[in-house]
């Protein structure tokens, strides 16, 4: 009987060997889009399972550096991917720019604030009350906040605006502050505003007011397996691009 059980175990091992889990660390702004992309990938690769972990790119990069089990990382800016590269944590030849985005000013959906133009004569503090704050991902480490600081600085608004910021742990947390009416305005990605019924876009920051918003992707060193390679290829496929585009993301060539 022992020999029979062992034989059965050996016979079933190849079946389980085909199944692959792929752990993906992705920027919080990708939450909805990556959920749909993962489902589409699994439909085409039923033996693979995608595990998604979302947070600020800075938080995820630090987790990876500390030994976090990510096989793929998608950052919302180049800075944190560069940071991992400097520590030799990326699989050579796997890094590329996957997506782009826009930076917008939002208000609660029921706000009386109408569409405005942002330029070097704008003053965001004039749009809020004396005790109000402007929601934004923390400019010290959250990519959306870093882009926001750069845009505000280039438009001559940073010094006046900085003391009036509500610094959130990630861009989705900043979005939530505006959705709940805790902040009368906020700075988020265009894709975050697009998925929310609780906010409206009142302005788009000029593209030349901040560096191009890019989402680099890479496989983590020594974590490469056939499944992570398949998923990386799928992320660059037309099927995935269609889903990303539906959420408002742009493609690198655009």
Protein backbone atom coordinates (compact mmCIF):
# COMPACT_ATOMS: atom_id res chain seq x y z
CA UNK A 1 0.00 0.00 0.00
CA UNK A 2 2.85 2.36 0.81
CA UNK A 3 4.37 1.73 -2.58
CA UNK A 4 1.00 2.34 -4.28
CA UNK A 5 0.50 5.66 -2.43
CA UNK A 6 3.96 6.78 -3.38
CA UNK A 7 3.29 5.83 -6.96
CA UNK A 8 0.06 7.79 -7.05
CA UNK A 9 1.85 10.81 -5.58
CA UNK A 10 4.48 10.64 -8.29
CA UNK A 11 1.84 10.37 -10.97
CA UNK A 12 0.01 13.48 -9.76
CA UNK A 13 3.08 15.67 -9.31
CA UNK A 14 3.36 16.70 -12.98
CA UNK A 15 -0.21 18.00 -12.90
CA UNK A 16 0.51 20.38 -10.03
CA UNK A 17 3.88 21.37 -11.49
CA UNK A 18 2.15 23.14 -14.37
CA UNK A 19 0.30 25.54 -12.06
CA UNK A 20 2.18 28.78 -11.45
CA UNK A 21 1.51 31.63 -9.04
CA UNK A 22 2.78 35.03 -10.15
CA UNK A 23 3.05 37.75 -7.51
CA UNK A 24 2.73 41.26 -8.93
CA UNK A 25 3.42 44.43 -6.96
CA UNK A 26 1.70 47.33 -8.73
CA UNK A 27 1.08 51.02 -8.09
CA UNK A 28 -2.23 51.81 -6.38
CA UNK A 29 -3.48 53.71 -9.43
CA UNK A 30 -3.47 50.42 -11.37
CA UNK A 31 -5.86 48.63 -8.99
CA UNK A 32 -8.91 48.41 -11.24
CA UNK A 33 -7.14 48.03 -14.58
CA UNK A 34 -4.73 45.34 -13.37
CA UNK A 35 -7.61 43.42 -11.81
CA UNK A 36 -9.21 43.13 -15.25
CA UNK A 37 -5.89 42.44 -16.99
CA UNK A 38 -5.13 39.63 -14.55
CA UNK A 39 -8.55 38.05 -15.23
CA UNK A 40 -7.94 38.24 -18.99
CA UNK A 41 -4.50 36.68 -18.59
CA UNK A 42 -5.81 33.83 -16.44
CA UNK A 43 -8.56 33.15 -18.98
CA UNK A 44 -5.85 32.56 -21.60
CA UNK A 45 -3.50 30.78 -19.16
CA UNK A 46 -5.79 28.77 -16.85
CA UNK A 47 -2.89 27.02 -15.11
CA UNK A 48 -1.46 30.33 -13.89
CA UNK A 49 -2.74 32.44 -11.00
CA UNK A 50 -1.91 36.14 -10.63
CA UNK A 51 -1.55 37.49 -7.09
CA UNK A 52 -1.85 41.28 -6.98
CA UNK A 53 -0.57 43.60 -4.27
CA UNK A 54 -1.29 47.34 -4.54
CA UNK A 55 0.19 50.27 -2.65
CA UNK A 56 2.26 53.38 -3.27
CA UNK A 57 5.20 52.62 -5.56
CA UNK A 58 7.57 53.75 -2.82
CA UNK A 59 6.05 51.33 -0.30
CA UNK A 60 6.20 48.43 -2.75
CA UNK A 61 9.78 49.18 -3.82
CA UNK A 62 10.91 49.22 -0.20
CA UNK A 63 9.11 45.93 0.43
CA UNK A 64 10.89 44.38 -2.55
CA UNK A 65 14.26 45.65 -1.34
CA UNK A 66 13.50 44.09 2.05
CA UNK A 67 12.85 40.70 0.45
CA UNK A 68 9.22 41.00 -0.61
CA UNK A 69 8.18 38.14 -2.95
CA UNK A 70 7.32 40.20 -6.03
CA UNK A 71 8.10 38.62 -9.38
CA UNK A 72 6.85 41.61 -11.37
CA UNK A 73 6.82 45.25 -10.30
CA UNK A 74 4.91 48.05 -12.02
CA UNK A 75 5.83 51.47 -10.68
CA UNK A 76 3.95 54.74 -11.24
CA UNK A 77 7.20 56.57 -11.92
CA UNK A 78 10.78 55.92 -12.98
CA UNK A 79 12.26 56.97 -9.61
CA UNK A 80 11.36 53.87 -7.65
CA UNK A 81 12.23 51.49 -10.48
CA UNK A 82 15.59 53.28 -10.76
CA UNK A 83 16.02 52.83 -7.00
CA UNK A 84 15.59 49.06 -7.32
CA UNK A 85 17.86 49.01 -10.38
CA UNK A 86 20.60 50.77 -8.42
CA UNK A 87 20.43 47.88 -5.95
CA UNK A 88 20.74 45.36 -8.78
CA UNK A 89 17.31 43.88 -8.07
CA UNK A 90 15.94 43.88 -11.65
CA UNK A 91 16.24 40.99 -14.08
CA UNK A 92 18.44 42.22 -16.92
CA UNK A 93 16.60 43.07 -20.11
CA UNK A 94 13.08 42.97 -18.68
CA UNK A 95 12.51 46.65 -17.86
CA UNK A 96 10.40 48.78 -20.19
CA UNK A 97 7.87 51.61 -20.06
CA UNK A 98 4.40 50.07 -20.05
CA UNK A 99 1.90 52.94 -19.70
CA UNK A 100 1.37 56.68 -19.41
CA UNK A 101 -1.14 58.87 -17.56
CA UNK A 102 -2.28 62.46 -17.00
CA UNK A 103 -2.44 64.64 -13.88
CA UNK A 104 -5.74 66.31 -13.00
CA UNK A 105 -7.42 68.50 -10.42
CA UNK A 106 -10.63 67.02 -9.01
CA UNK A 107 -13.52 68.14 -6.84
CA UNK A 108 -16.47 66.24 -5.31
CA UNK A 109 -19.09 65.38 -7.93
CA UNK A 110 -21.62 67.74 -6.32
CA UNK A 111 -19.16 70.64 -5.99
CA UNK A 112 -20.15 74.02 -7.43
CA UNK A 113 -16.63 74.38 -8.80
CA UNK A 114 -16.65 74.48 -12.59
CA UNK A 115 -13.93 73.83 -15.14
CA UNK A 116 -10.86 75.98 -14.71
CA UNK A 117 -7.58 76.52 -16.55
CA UNK A 118 -4.32 75.92 -14.73
CA UNK A 119 -1.47 78.26 -15.59
CA UNK A 120 1.13 80.44 -13.89
CA UNK A 121 -1.61 82.85 -12.77
CA UNK A 122 -3.61 80.16 -10.93
CA UNK A 123 -3.97 79.97 -7.15
CA UNK A 124 -5.40 76.70 -5.83
CA UNK A 125 -5.67 78.08 -2.30
CA UNK A 126 -8.30 80.53 -3.55
CA UNK A 127 -10.55 77.54 -4.32
CA UNK A 128 -10.68 76.26 -0.73
CA UNK A 129 -11.80 77.55 2.64
CA UNK A 130 -9.50 78.76 5.40
CA UNK A 131 -9.49 75.39 7.18
CA UNK A 132 -9.57 73.19 4.07
CA UNK A 133 -6.76 71.11 2.62
CA UNK A 134 -5.89 69.96 -0.90
CA UNK A 135 -5.69 66.15 -1.16
CA UNK A 136 -2.55 64.75 -2.77
CA UNK A 137 -0.31 61.72 -2.50
CA UNK A 138 2.56 62.63 -0.20
CA UNK A 139 5.02 64.55 -2.44
CA UNK A 140 7.93 63.18 -0.43
CA UNK A 141 7.49 59.67 -1.82
CA UNK A 142 4.17 59.00 -3.65
CA UNK A 143 4.64 59.29 -7.44
CA UNK A 144 1.37 61.20 -8.04
CA UNK A 145 2.40 63.62 -5.31
CA UNK A 146 5.88 63.99 -6.79
CA UNK A 147 4.39 64.84 -10.19
CA UNK A 148 1.96 67.20 -8.44
CA UNK A 149 4.78 69.02 -6.66
CA UNK A 150 6.68 69.38 -9.93
CA UNK A 151 3.58 70.75 -11.69
CA UNK A 152 2.78 73.18 -8.90
CA UNK A 153 6.40 74.31 -8.79
CA UNK A 154 6.60 74.92 -12.53
CA UNK A 155 3.35 76.88 -12.38
CA UNK A 156 4.64 78.99 -9.50
CA UNK A 157 2.12 77.65 -6.96
CA UNK A 158 4.17 75.32 -4.76
CA UNK A 159 5.24 77.68 -1.98
CA UNK A 160 1.72 78.95 -1.39
CA UNK A 161 0.06 75.56 -1.79
CA UNK A 162 2.46 73.35 0.18
CA UNK A 163 1.22 74.34 3.68
CA UNK A 164 -2.37 73.61 2.64
CA UNK A 165 -1.88 70.01 1.52
CA UNK A 166 -3.50 66.87 2.94
CA UNK A 167 -0.75 64.33 2.31
CA UNK A 168 -2.11 60.85 1.62
CA UNK A 169 -0.28 57.51 1.69
CA UNK A 170 -1.09 56.86 -1.97
CA UNK A 171 -3.07 58.35 -4.83
CA UNK A 172 -6.20 56.28 -4.11
CA UNK A 173 -6.22 57.58 -0.54
CA UNK A 174 -6.08 61.14 -1.92
CA UNK A 175 -8.99 60.31 -4.23
CA UNK A 176 -10.98 58.98 -1.27
CA UNK A 177 -10.51 62.24 0.66
CA UNK A 178 -12.21 64.14 -2.15
CA UNK A 179 -14.89 61.47 -2.66
CA UNK A 180 -15.86 61.78 1.00
CA UNK A 181 -15.85 65.57 0.85
CA UNK A 182 -13.04 65.83 3.38
CA UNK A 183 -11.02 67.82 0.85
CA UNK A 184 -12.74 70.22 -1.57
CA UNK A 185 -10.14 69.58 -4.28
CA UNK A 186 -7.39 67.06 -4.94
CA UNK A 187 -4.59 66.19 -7.34
CA UNK A 188 -4.70 62.67 -8.78
CA UNK A 189 -4.13 60.80 -12.03
CA UNK A 190 -6.70 61.11 -14.77
CA UNK A 191 -7.36 57.38 -14.58
CA UNK A 192 -8.22 57.58 -10.87
CA UNK A 193 -10.76 60.31 -11.51
CA UNK A 194 -12.26 58.33 -14.40
CA UNK A 195 -13.17 55.31 -12.26
CA UNK A 196 -14.82 57.34 -9.50
CA UNK A 197 -18.47 58.42 -9.50
CA UNK A 198 -17.80 60.61 -6.49
CA UNK A 199 -15.54 63.17 -8.14
CA UNK A 200 -15.31 65.27 -11.27
CA UNK A 201 -12.31 66.64 -13.15
CA UNK A 202 -12.19 70.42 -13.03
CA UNK A 203 -8.78 70.89 -14.68
CA UNK A 204 -5.93 69.01 -16.31
CA UNK A 205 -2.39 70.08 -15.54
CA UNK A 206 -0.49 71.15 -18.67
CA UNK A 207 1.64 68.31 -19.96
CA UNK A 208 4.70 70.55 -19.92
CA UNK A 209 4.26 71.40 -16.23
CA UNK A 210 5.62 68.02 -15.13
CA UNK A 211 7.72 65.17 -16.56
CA UNK A 212 5.87 62.62 -18.64
CA UNK A 213 4.02 60.19 -16.34
CA UNK A 214 5.32 56.72 -17.10
CA UNK A 215 4.74 53.29 -15.58
CA UNK A 216 7.84 51.11 -15.95
CA UNK A 217 7.54 47.35 -15.51
CA UNK A 218 10.25 44.79 -14.80
CA UNK A 219 10.80 41.25 -13.56
CA UNK A 220 12.63 41.06 -10.25
CA UNK A 221 16.06 39.45 -10.25
CA UNK A 222 16.19 35.75 -9.36
CA UNK A 223 12.36 35.64 -9.40
CA UNK A 224 12.03 34.96 -13.11
CA UNK A 225 9.98 31.91 -14.09
CA UNK A 226 8.08 30.93 -17.24
CA UNK A 227 4.82 32.29 -15.85
CA UNK A 228 6.20 35.73 -14.99
CA UNK A 229 7.71 35.90 -18.48
CA UNK A 230 4.34 34.98 -20.00
CA UNK A 231 2.56 37.63 -17.93
CA UNK A 232 5.09 40.30 -18.88
CA UNK A 233 4.51 39.51 -22.55
CA UNK A 234 0.74 39.65 -22.01
CA UNK A 235 0.98 43.09 -20.35
CA UNK A 236 2.44 44.37 -23.62
CA UNK A 237 -0.11 42.60 -25.83
CA UNK A 238 -3.00 44.22 -27.70
CA UNK A 239 -5.49 42.47 -25.38
CA UNK A 240 -3.97 44.10 -22.30
CA UNK A 241 -3.50 47.44 -24.08
CA UNK A 242 -7.22 47.51 -24.88
CA UNK A 243 -8.08 47.07 -21.20
CA UNK A 244 -5.58 49.69 -20.06
CA UNK A 245 -6.91 52.12 -22.67
CA UNK A 246 -10.47 51.60 -21.42
CA UNK A 247 -9.30 52.87 -18.03
CA UNK A 248 -7.70 55.94 -19.61
CA UNK A 249 -4.06 54.87 -19.61
CA UNK A 250 -1.98 55.83 -22.61
CA UNK A 251 0.63 53.69 -24.30
CA UNK A 252 4.34 54.63 -24.43
CA UNK A 253 4.35 55.36 -28.16
CA UNK A 254 1.52 57.83 -27.72
